[in-house]
Amino acid sequence: MSGQSLEKLVTDEIEALHAFISGWFRGELVRSASVYRQGFSDRLASAFVNIQPSGQVLSRADLLDPIENAHGANSDFRISISSVTLRHVSEDQSLIQATYVEHQTGARNTTPPDNDRISTVLFQRDLATDKLVWLHLHETAVRSD
């Protein structure tokens, strides 16, 4: 796979997960177990770790129920993604580290509700299927002052 194709694979995965989260929170997606699994829970490794901008460390288990229960909780919530950059790729391309900027508007659990965060993600790639699985995500708030 070429570097450009790998970058597209990573960008598409980052955008797809965030499109799911924002659509789920807005209630625009059908609330069903299969939609939730395909859009969110199946994308995260069993040992997935998310470090929030506050420094709070969350496991996959910590996230699953709260995200599932947030269906339709915020009709104003939007996420867009920019500046996806591959940072490190293992020799066999099975581990990929990337950074990106996440732009949130209308967030209810973040101050301010319109905010940006720089995120670093580590993916494991299934070389047979090109499926990316989220292993680790570290989000850092971008100060707006």
N, C-alpha and C. Protein backbone atom coordinates (compact mmCIF):
# COMPACT_ATOMS: atom_id res chain seq x y z
N MET A 1 0.86 -1.18 0.00
CA MET A 1 0.00 0.00 0.00
C MET A 1 0.90 1.23 0.00
N SER A 2 0.59 2.21 -0.82
CA SER A 2 1.38 3.43 -0.90
C SER A 2 1.11 4.31 0.30
N GLY A 3 2.05 5.26 0.57
CA GLY A 3 1.87 6.19 1.68
C GLY A 3 0.58 6.98 1.55
N GLN A 4 0.25 7.40 0.34
CA GLN A 4 -0.98 8.18 0.14
C GLN A 4 -2.20 7.32 0.45
N SER A 5 -2.20 6.07 0.03
CA SER A 5 -3.34 5.19 0.30
C SER A 5 -3.46 4.90 1.79
N LEU A 6 -2.34 4.73 2.47
CA LEU A 6 -2.36 4.51 3.91
C LEU A 6 -2.90 5.75 4.62
N GLU A 7 -2.49 6.92 4.18
CA GLU A 7 -3.01 8.16 4.77
C GLU A 7 -4.52 8.27 4.55
N LYS A 8 -4.99 7.87 3.38
CA LYS A 8 -6.44 7.91 3.11
C LYS A 8 -7.18 6.91 4.00
N LEU A 9 -6.62 5.72 4.16
CA LEU A 9 -7.22 4.71 5.03
C LEU A 9 -7.38 5.24 6.46
N VAL A 10 -6.33 5.87 6.96
CA VAL A 10 -6.34 6.43 8.31
C VAL A 10 -7.33 7.59 8.40
N THR A 11 -7.28 8.49 7.45
CA THR A 11 -8.20 9.64 7.44
C THR A 11 -9.65 9.17 7.39
N ASP A 12 -9.93 8.22 6.52
CA ASP A 12 -11.30 7.70 6.40
C ASP A 12 -11.78 7.09 7.72
N GLU A 13 -10.90 6.35 8.41
CA GLU A 13 -11.29 5.73 9.68
C GLU A 13 -11.55 6.78 10.76
N ILE A 14 -10.68 7.76 10.85
CA ILE A 14 -10.86 8.82 11.85
C ILE A 14 -12.16 9.57 11.58
N GLU A 15 -12.39 9.93 10.33
CA GLU A 15 -13.62 10.65 9.99
C GLU A 15 -14.86 9.80 10.22
N ALA A 16 -14.79 8.50 9.91
CA ALA A 16 -15.95 7.62 10.09
C ALA A 16 -16.33 7.49 11.56
N LEU A 17 -15.35 7.29 12.44
CA LEU A 17 -15.67 7.17 13.86
C LEU A 17 -16.30 8.45 14.39
N HIS A 18 -15.73 9.59 14.02
CA HIS A 18 -16.26 10.86 14.52
C HIS A 18 -17.62 11.21 13.90
N ALA A 19 -17.84 10.81 12.66
CA ALA A 19 -19.16 11.00 12.05
C ALA A 19 -20.20 10.17 12.79
N PHE A 20 -19.81 8.95 13.17
CA PHE A 20 -20.72 8.12 13.95
C PHE A 20 -21.04 8.80 15.28
N ILE A 21 -20.02 9.23 16.01
CA ILE A 21 -20.23 9.82 17.34
C ILE A 21 -21.15 11.04 17.24
N SER A 22 -20.88 11.93 16.30
CA SER A 22 -21.71 13.14 16.22
C SER A 22 -23.13 12.80 15.75
N GLY A 23 -23.27 11.89 14.80
CA GLY A 23 -24.59 11.48 14.35
C GLY A 23 -25.37 10.74 15.43
N TRP A 24 -24.68 9.93 16.22
CA TRP A 24 -25.29 9.20 17.32
C TRP A 24 -25.79 10.17 18.39
N PHE A 25 -24.93 11.12 18.78
CA PHE A 25 -25.33 12.09 19.79
C PHE A 25 -26.50 12.94 19.32
N ARG A 26 -26.54 13.24 18.03
CA ARG A 26 -27.65 14.04 17.50
C ARG A 26 -28.92 13.21 17.31
N GLY A 27 -28.82 11.90 17.39
CA GLY A 27 -29.98 11.03 17.22
C GLY A 27 -30.36 10.82 15.77
N GLU A 28 -29.43 11.08 14.86
CA GLU A 28 -29.70 10.93 13.43
C GLU A 28 -29.51 9.50 12.94
N LEU A 29 -28.87 8.66 13.73
CA LEU A 29 -28.65 7.27 13.37
C LEU A 29 -29.68 6.40 14.08
N VAL A 30 -30.05 5.31 13.45
CA VAL A 30 -30.98 4.36 14.07
C VAL A 30 -30.33 3.81 15.34
N ARG A 31 -31.09 3.81 16.42
CA ARG A 31 -30.57 3.25 17.67
C ARG A 31 -30.80 1.75 17.66
N SER A 32 -29.75 1.03 17.33
CA SER A 32 -29.80 -0.43 17.35
C SER A 32 -28.43 -0.95 17.74
N ALA A 33 -28.42 -2.17 18.27
CA ALA A 33 -27.16 -2.77 18.69
C ALA A 33 -26.20 -2.93 17.52
N SER A 34 -26.71 -3.31 16.36
CA SER A 34 -25.82 -3.53 15.21
C SER A 34 -25.23 -2.22 14.71
N VAL A 35 -26.02 -1.16 14.67
CA VAL A 35 -25.50 0.15 14.24
C VAL A 35 -24.43 0.62 15.22
N TYR A 36 -24.69 0.45 16.51
CA TYR A 36 -23.73 0.87 17.54
C TYR A 36 -22.43 0.06 17.45
N ARG A 37 -22.55 -1.24 17.31
CA ARG A 37 -21.35 -2.09 17.20
C ARG A 37 -20.53 -1.71 15.98
N GLN A 38 -21.19 -1.62 14.83
CA GLN A 38 -20.47 -1.32 13.59
C GLN A 38 -19.86 0.08 13.61
N GLY A 39 -20.59 1.02 14.15
CA GLY A 39 -20.12 2.40 14.13
C GLY A 39 -19.15 2.76 15.23
N PHE A 40 -19.22 2.04 16.36
CA PHE A 40 -18.39 2.44 17.49
C PHE A 40 -17.67 1.27 18.17
N SER A 41 -18.39 0.41 18.85
CA SER A 41 -17.72 -0.54 19.75
C SER A 41 -16.80 -1.52 19.04
N ASP A 42 -17.15 -1.98 17.84
CA ASP A 42 -16.29 -2.92 17.12
C ASP A 42 -15.02 -2.26 16.60
N ARG A 43 -14.97 -0.94 16.58
CA ARG A 43 -13.78 -0.23 16.10
C ARG A 43 -12.69 -0.13 17.17
N LEU A 44 -13.07 -0.35 18.43
CA LEU A 44 -12.13 -0.19 19.54
C LEU A 44 -11.58 -1.53 19.99
N ALA A 45 -10.27 -1.61 20.16
CA ALA A 45 -9.64 -2.82 20.68
C ALA A 45 -10.15 -3.10 22.09
N SER A 46 -10.11 -4.35 22.50
CA SER A 46 -10.58 -4.69 23.85
C SER A 46 -9.77 -3.97 24.92
N ALA A 47 -8.51 -3.68 24.65
CA ALA A 47 -7.65 -2.97 25.61
C ALA A 47 -7.52 -1.47 25.27
N PHE A 48 -8.45 -0.94 24.49
CA PHE A 48 -8.42 0.47 24.09
C PHE A 48 -8.34 1.39 25.31
N VAL A 49 -7.54 2.44 25.16
CA VAL A 49 -7.40 3.47 26.20
C VAL A 49 -7.59 4.83 25.55
N ASN A 50 -8.38 5.68 26.21
CA ASN A 50 -8.59 7.06 25.76
C ASN A 50 -8.16 7.99 26.90
N ILE A 51 -7.20 8.85 26.62
CA ILE A 51 -6.80 9.86 27.59
C ILE A 51 -7.48 11.16 27.18
N GLN A 52 -8.38 11.61 28.03
CA GLN A 52 -9.18 12.81 27.78
C GLN A 52 -8.32 14.08 27.91
N PRO A 53 -8.78 15.21 27.36
CA PRO A 53 -8.04 16.47 27.54
C PRO A 53 -7.81 16.82 29.01
N SER A 54 -8.69 16.37 29.89
CA SER A 54 -8.55 16.63 31.33
C SER A 54 -7.47 15.77 31.98
N GLY A 55 -7.00 14.75 31.27
CA GLY A 55 -6.04 13.80 31.82
C GLY A 55 -6.69 12.53 32.32
N GLN A 56 -8.02 12.49 32.35
CA GLN A 56 -8.73 11.28 32.79
C GLN A 56 -8.47 10.15 31.80
N VAL A 57 -8.14 8.99 32.32
CA VAL A 57 -7.87 7.81 31.50
C VAL A 57 -9.11 6.93 31.50
N LEU A 58 -9.62 6.66 30.29
CA LEU A 58 -10.83 5.85 30.14
C LEU A 58 -10.51 4.60 29.33
N SER A 59 -11.06 3.49 29.77
CA SER A 59 -10.93 2.23 29.03
C SER A 59 -12.10 2.10 28.06
N ARG A 60 -12.02 1.10 27.23
CA ARG A 60 -13.13 0.80 26.32
C ARG A 60 -14.41 0.58 27.14
N ALA A 61 -14.29 -0.19 28.22
CA ALA A 61 -15.46 -0.47 29.06
C ALA A 61 -16.04 0.80 29.67
N ASP A 62 -15.18 1.76 30.01
CA ASP A 62 -15.66 3.03 30.58
C ASP A 62 -16.49 3.82 29.58
N LEU A 63 -16.22 3.65 28.30
CA LEU A 63 -16.86 4.44 27.26
C LEU A 63 -18.14 3.83 26.69
N LEU A 64 -18.21 2.50 26.67
CA LEU A 64 -19.28 1.85 25.91
C LEU A 64 -20.69 2.24 26.35
N ASP A 65 -21.02 2.08 27.61
CA ASP A 65 -22.38 2.41 28.06
C ASP A 65 -22.70 3.90 27.96
N PRO A 66 -21.81 4.79 28.43
CA PRO A 66 -22.13 6.22 28.32
C PRO A 66 -22.34 6.68 26.87
N ILE A 67 -21.53 6.19 25.96
CA ILE A 67 -21.72 6.59 24.55
C ILE A 67 -23.02 6.02 24.03
N GLU A 68 -23.28 4.75 24.30
CA GLU A 68 -24.52 4.14 23.82
C GLU A 68 -25.74 4.87 24.37
N ASN A 69 -25.69 5.25 25.63
CA ASN A 69 -26.82 5.93 26.26
C ASN A 69 -26.95 7.39 25.87
N ALA A 70 -25.96 7.93 25.17
CA ALA A 70 -26.01 9.34 24.74
C ALA A 70 -26.73 9.51 23.40
N HIS A 71 -27.32 8.44 22.89
CA HIS A 71 -28.04 8.54 21.61
C HIS A 71 -29.10 9.63 21.70
N GLY A 72 -29.04 10.60 20.80
CA GLY A 72 -30.03 11.67 20.74
C GLY A 72 -29.93 12.71 21.84
N ALA A 73 -28.84 12.70 22.61
CA ALA A 73 -28.72 13.59 23.77
C ALA A 73 -28.34 15.02 23.42
N ASN A 74 -27.83 15.26 22.20
CA ASN A 74 -27.35 16.61 21.88
C ASN A 74 -27.52 16.89 20.39
N SER A 75 -28.64 17.48 20.04
CA SER A 75 -28.94 17.73 18.62
C SER A 75 -28.04 18.80 18.00
N ASP A 76 -27.31 19.55 18.82
CA ASP A 76 -26.44 20.62 18.30
C ASP A 76 -25.00 20.18 18.11
N PHE A 77 -24.65 18.98 18.50
CA PHE A 77 -23.25 18.55 18.51
C PHE A 77 -22.74 18.25 17.11
N ARG A 78 -21.58 18.79 16.80
CA ARG A 78 -20.92 18.55 15.50
C ARG A 78 -19.43 18.32 15.74
N ILE A 79 -18.85 17.47 14.90
CA ILE A 79 -17.41 17.24 14.91
C ILE A 79 -16.92 17.32 13.48
N SER A 80 -15.81 18.00 13.27
CA SER A 80 -15.10 17.92 12.00
C SER A 80 -13.64 17.62 12.29
N ILE A 81 -12.96 17.08 11.32
CA ILE A 81 -11.58 16.62 11.46
C ILE A 81 -10.72 17.33 10.43
N SER A 82 -9.51 17.71 10.84
CA SER A 82 -8.55 18.29 9.90
C SER A 82 -7.14 17.84 10.28
N SER A 83 -6.22 18.13 9.40
CA SER A 83 -4.78 17.97 9.65
C SER A 83 -4.37 16.55 10.04
N VAL A 84 -4.96 15.55 9.40
CA VAL A 84 -4.55 14.18 9.67
C VAL A 84 -3.13 13.99 9.13
N THR A 85 -2.24 13.52 10.00
CA THR A 85 -0.84 13.35 9.63
C THR A 85 -0.35 12.01 10.17
N LEU A 86 0.24 11.20 9.29
CA LEU A 86 0.87 9.96 9.74
C LEU A 86 2.16 10.33 10.45
N ARG A 87 2.37 9.79 11.64
CA ARG A 87 3.58 10.11 12.42
C ARG A 87 4.57 8.96 12.43
N HIS A 88 4.09 7.75 12.68
CA HIS A 88 4.96 6.58 12.71
C HIS A 88 4.19 5.40 12.13
N VAL A 89 4.87 4.62 11.30
CA VAL A 89 4.27 3.42 10.72
C VAL A 89 5.29 2.30 10.90
N SER A 90 4.85 1.18 11.47
CA SER A 90 5.76 0.05 11.65
C SER A 90 6.21 -0.46 10.29
N GLU A 91 7.31 -1.18 10.28
CA GLU A 91 7.88 -1.66 9.03
C GLU A 91 6.88 -2.47 8.21
N ASP A 92 6.08 -3.29 8.88
CA ASP A 92 5.09 -4.09 8.15
C ASP A 92 3.74 -3.38 8.00
N GLN A 93 3.67 -2.13 8.44
CA GLN A 93 2.48 -1.28 8.35
C GLN A 93 1.29 -1.81 9.16
N SER A 94 1.56 -2.61 10.18
CA SER A 94 0.47 -3.12 11.01
C SER A 94 0.17 -2.21 12.20
N LEU A 95 1.09 -1.34 12.56
CA LEU A 95 0.88 -0.35 13.61
C LEU A 95 1.08 1.04 13.02
N ILE A 96 0.11 1.90 13.24
CA ILE A 96 0.14 3.23 12.64
C ILE A 96 -0.20 4.26 13.71
N GLN A 97 0.66 5.24 13.86
CA GLN A 97 0.38 6.36 14.76
C GLN A 97 0.12 7.59 13.89
N ALA A 98 -0.93 8.32 14.24
CA ALA A 98 -1.29 9.52 13.49
C ALA A 98 -1.76 10.60 14.46
N THR A 99 -1.71 11.83 13.99
CA THR A 99 -2.30 12.93 14.74
C THR A 99 -3.35 13.59 13.87
N TYR A 100 -4.29 14.27 14.52
CA TYR A 100 -5.31 15.02 13.81
C TYR A 100 -5.88 16.07 14.74
N VAL A 101 -6.57 17.03 14.15
CA VAL A 101 -7.25 18.05 14.94
C VAL A 101 -8.75 17.77 14.85
N GLU A 102 -9.37 17.72 16.02
CA GLU A 102 -10.82 17.51 16.12
C GLU A 102 -11.45 18.84 16.52
N HIS A 103 -12.40 19.29 15.72
CA HIS A 103 -13.11 20.54 15.98
C HIS A 103 -14.52 20.18 16.44
N GLN A 104 -14.89 20.57 17.66
CA GLN A 104 -16.22 20.30 18.19
C GLN A 104 -17.02 21.59 18.30
N THR A 105 -18.28 21.52 17.95
CA THR A 105 -19.20 22.63 18.20
C THR A 105 -20.43 22.07 18.90
N GLY A 106 -20.97 22.86 19.82
CA GLY A 106 -22.18 22.47 20.53
C GLY A 106 -21.99 21.38 21.56
N ALA A 107 -20.76 21.14 21.99
CA ALA A 107 -20.52 20.10 23.00
C ALA A 107 -21.16 20.51 24.33
N ARG A 108 -21.71 19.55 25.03
CA ARG A 108 -22.35 19.84 26.33
C ARG A 108 -21.47 19.44 27.51
N ASN A 109 -20.56 18.52 27.31
CA ASN A 109 -19.74 18.04 28.42
C ASN A 109 -18.32 18.59 28.37
N THR A 110 -18.12 19.63 27.58
CA THR A 110 -16.80 20.24 27.42
C THR A 110 -16.94 21.74 27.54
N THR A 111 -15.99 22.37 28.19
CA THR A 111 -15.97 23.83 28.28
C THR A 111 -14.70 24.31 27.60
N PRO A 112 -14.83 25.17 26.61
CA PRO A 112 -16.06 25.71 26.05
C PRO A 112 -16.75 24.69 25.14
N PRO A 113 -18.02 24.90 24.83
CA PRO A 113 -18.75 23.95 23.99
C PRO A 113 -18.23 23.90 22.55
N ASP A 114 -17.63 24.98 22.08
CA ASP A 114 -16.96 24.99 20.78
C ASP A 114 -15.47 24.93 21.07
N ASN A 115 -14.84 23.82 20.71
CA ASN A 115 -13.45 23.62 21.11
C ASN A 115 -12.70 22.79 20.09
N ASP A 116 -11.39 22.86 20.17
CA ASP A 116 -10.52 22.05 19.33
C ASP A 116 -9.63 21.21 20.23
N ARG A 117 -9.24 20.06 19.70
CA ARG A 117 -8.28 19.22 20.41
C ARG A 117 -7.37 18.56 19.39
N ILE A 118 -6.10 18.48 19.74
CA ILE A 118 -5.14 17.74 18.94
C ILE A 118 -5.12 16.33 19.51
N SER A 119 -5.30 15.36 18.64
CA SER A 119 -5.38 13.97 19.09
C SER A 119 -4.28 13.13 18.45
N THR A 120 -3.75 12.21 19.23
CA THR A 120 -2.79 11.22 18.75
C THR A 120 -3.46 9.86 18.89
N VAL A 121 -3.47 9.12 17.80
CA VAL A 121 -4.12 7.81 17.80
C VAL A 121 -3.10 6.75 17.38
N LEU A 122 -3.23 5.56 17.98
CA LEU A 122 -2.46 4.40 17.56
C LEU A 122 -3.45 3.36 17.07
N PHE A 123 -3.25 2.94 15.82
CA PHE A 123 -4.10 1.92 15.20
C PHE A 123 -3.33 0.62 15.04
N GLN A 124 -4.06 -0.49 15.13
CA GLN A 124 -3.55 -1.77 14.66
C GLN A 124 -4.29 -2.07 13.38
N ARG A 125 -3.54 -2.44 12.35
CA ARG A 125 -4.13 -2.70 11.04
C ARG A 125 -4.09 -4.19 10.73
N ASP A 126 -5.23 -4.72 10.35
CA ASP A 126 -5.30 -6.09 9.86
C ASP A 126 -4.81 -6.05 8.42
N LEU A 127 -3.67 -6.63 8.16
CA LEU A 127 -3.06 -6.53 6.83
C LEU A 127 -3.86 -7.26 5.76
N ALA A 128 -4.66 -8.24 6.14
CA ALA A 128 -5.46 -8.97 5.17
C ALA A 128 -6.68 -8.18 4.72
N THR A 129 -7.26 -7.40 5.64
CA THR A 129 -8.52 -6.69 5.32
C THR A 129 -8.37 -5.17 5.27
N ASP A 130 -7.23 -4.65 5.73
CA ASP A 130 -7.00 -3.20 5.87
C ASP A 130 -7.87 -2.56 6.95
N LYS A 131 -8.56 -3.36 7.76
CA LYS A 131 -9.37 -2.79 8.85
C LYS A 131 -8.44 -2.23 9.91
N LEU A 132 -8.75 -1.02 10.37
CA LEU A 132 -8.01 -0.38 11.44
C LEU A 132 -8.78 -0.51 12.74
N VAL A 133 -8.08 -0.84 13.81
CA VAL A 133 -8.67 -0.94 15.14
C VAL A 133 -7.97 0.08 16.03
N TRP A 134 -8.77 0.85 16.77
CA TRP A 134 -8.25 1.88 17.66
C TRP A 134 -7.66 1.22 18.91
N LEU A 135 -6.35 1.41 19.14
CA LEU A 135 -5.69 0.88 20.32
C LEU A 135 -5.58 1.93 21.43
N HIS A 136 -5.26 3.16 21.03
CA HIS A 136 -4.95 4.21 22.01
C HIS A 136 -5.29 5.57 21.40
N LEU A 137 -5.89 6.43 22.19
CA LEU A 137 -6.23 7.78 21.75
C LEU A 137 -5.90 8.75 22.88
N HIS A 138 -5.10 9.76 22.57
CA HIS A 138 -4.73 10.78 23.56
C HIS A 138 -5.16 12.13 22.99
N GLU A 139 -6.07 12.80 23.70
CA GLU A 139 -6.62 14.08 23.25
C GLU A 139 -6.05 15.21 24.11
N THR A 140 -5.59 16.26 23.45
CA THR A 140 -5.05 17.43 24.14
C THR A 140 -5.84 18.65 23.72
N ALA A 141 -6.38 19.37 24.69
CA ALA A 141 -7.17 20.57 24.39
C ALA A 141 -6.27 21.64 23.80
N VAL A 142 -6.81 22.34 22.80
CA VAL A 142 -6.13 23.49 22.21
C VAL A 142 -6.72 24.72 22.88
N ARG A 143 -5.88 25.46 23.53
CA ARG A 143 -6.36 26.67 24.23
C ARG A 143 -6.77 27.72 23.22
N SER A 144 -7.87 28.36 23.50
CA SER A 144 -8.40 29.36 22.55
C SER A 144 -8.04 30.78 22.93
N ASP A 145 -7.23 30.97 23.97
CA ASP A 145 -6.90 32.33 24.39
C ASP A 145 -5.69 32.84 23.75
